[in-house]
Protein backbone atom coordinates (compact mmCIF):
# COMPACT_ATOMS: atom_id res chain seq x y z
CA MET A 1 12.99 13.39 -3.08
CA LYS A 2 11.56 10.98 -5.64
CA VAL A 3 7.99 9.88 -4.93
CA VAL A 4 5.92 6.99 -6.27
CA LYS A 5 2.16 7.25 -6.73
CA LEU A 6 0.62 4.16 -5.13
CA ALA A 7 -3.12 4.67 -5.42
CA GLY A 8 -5.92 7.06 -6.26
CA LEU A 9 -8.17 7.85 -3.30
CA TRP A 10 -11.84 8.74 -3.14
CA GLU A 11 -13.51 10.57 -0.26
CA LYS A 12 -16.33 8.71 1.48
CA LYS A 13 -18.28 9.46 4.66
CA ASP A 14 -19.29 6.93 7.30
CA LYS A 15 -22.72 6.80 8.96
CA GLN A 16 -21.63 9.47 11.46
CA GLY A 17 -20.47 11.78 8.64
CA ASN A 18 -16.74 11.31 9.31
CA PRO A 19 -14.68 11.52 6.09
CA SER A 20 -12.22 8.84 4.97
CA LEU A 21 -10.14 8.29 1.84
CA ILE A 22 -10.39 4.88 0.15
CA GLY A 23 -8.58 3.37 -2.82
CA ASP A 24 -7.29 0.15 -4.35
CA LEU A 25 -3.61 -0.54 -3.79
CA ASN A 26 -3.54 -3.57 -6.09
CA LYS A 27 -5.83 -6.42 -7.20
CA ILE A 28 -6.19 -7.85 -3.68
CA SER A 29 -5.58 -4.93 -1.30
CA LYS A 30 -7.20 -1.60 -0.49
CA VAL A 31 -6.02 1.36 1.58
CA VAL A 32 -8.07 3.56 3.87
CA VAL A 33 -7.05 6.86 5.48
CA MET A 34 -9.29 7.68 8.46
CA LYS A 35 -9.38 10.75 10.68
CA ASN A 36 -8.58 10.02 14.33
CA THR A 37 -11.92 10.94 15.87
CA SER A 38 -10.73 10.09 19.40
CA LYS A 39 -7.64 12.33 19.44
CA ASN A 40 -7.01 13.56 23.00
CA LYS A 41 -3.44 14.93 22.95
CA ASP A 42 -1.26 16.81 20.44
CA LYS A 43 1.00 13.73 20.27
CA ASP A 44 -1.90 11.56 19.04
CA PRO A 45 -1.98 11.14 15.23
CA ASP A 46 -4.45 13.16 13.18
CA TYR A 47 -5.07 10.29 10.72
CA PHE A 48 -4.59 6.53 10.47
CA LEU A 49 -3.44 4.72 7.29
CA CYS A 50 -4.89 1.20 7.09
CA ILE A 51 -4.44 -1.59 4.56
CA GLY A 52 -6.67 -4.63 4.13
CA PRO A 53 -8.11 -7.10 1.65
CA LYS A 54 -10.50 -5.87 -1.03
CA SER A 55 -14.09 -7.02 -0.59
CA LYS A 56 -15.03 -9.84 -2.92
CA LYS A 57 -18.00 -9.12 -5.17
CA VAL A 58 -20.64 -11.82 -5.34
CA LYS A 59 -23.48 -12.25 -7.84
CA GLY A 60 -25.87 -9.33 -7.59
CA GLY A 61 -23.18 -6.74 -6.86
CA LYS A 62 -23.13 -7.17 -3.07
CA SER A 63 -19.83 -7.62 -1.23
CA SER A 64 -19.19 -10.75 0.81
CA HIS A 65 -17.60 -8.79 3.71
């Protein structure tokens, strides 16, 4: 099987200490892989893959989102 590398991912932790993987997909989109912290059954997924817009940087280095 031929694979294509889409993004590099960096591990981050949220305020509760839950790990996630975050990376830029392109100039306007980012991807996030988050652990399913509310998994109740074996059929529930272990992780979620999410895609969304990158935060826009404003003067002073703070994001606008």
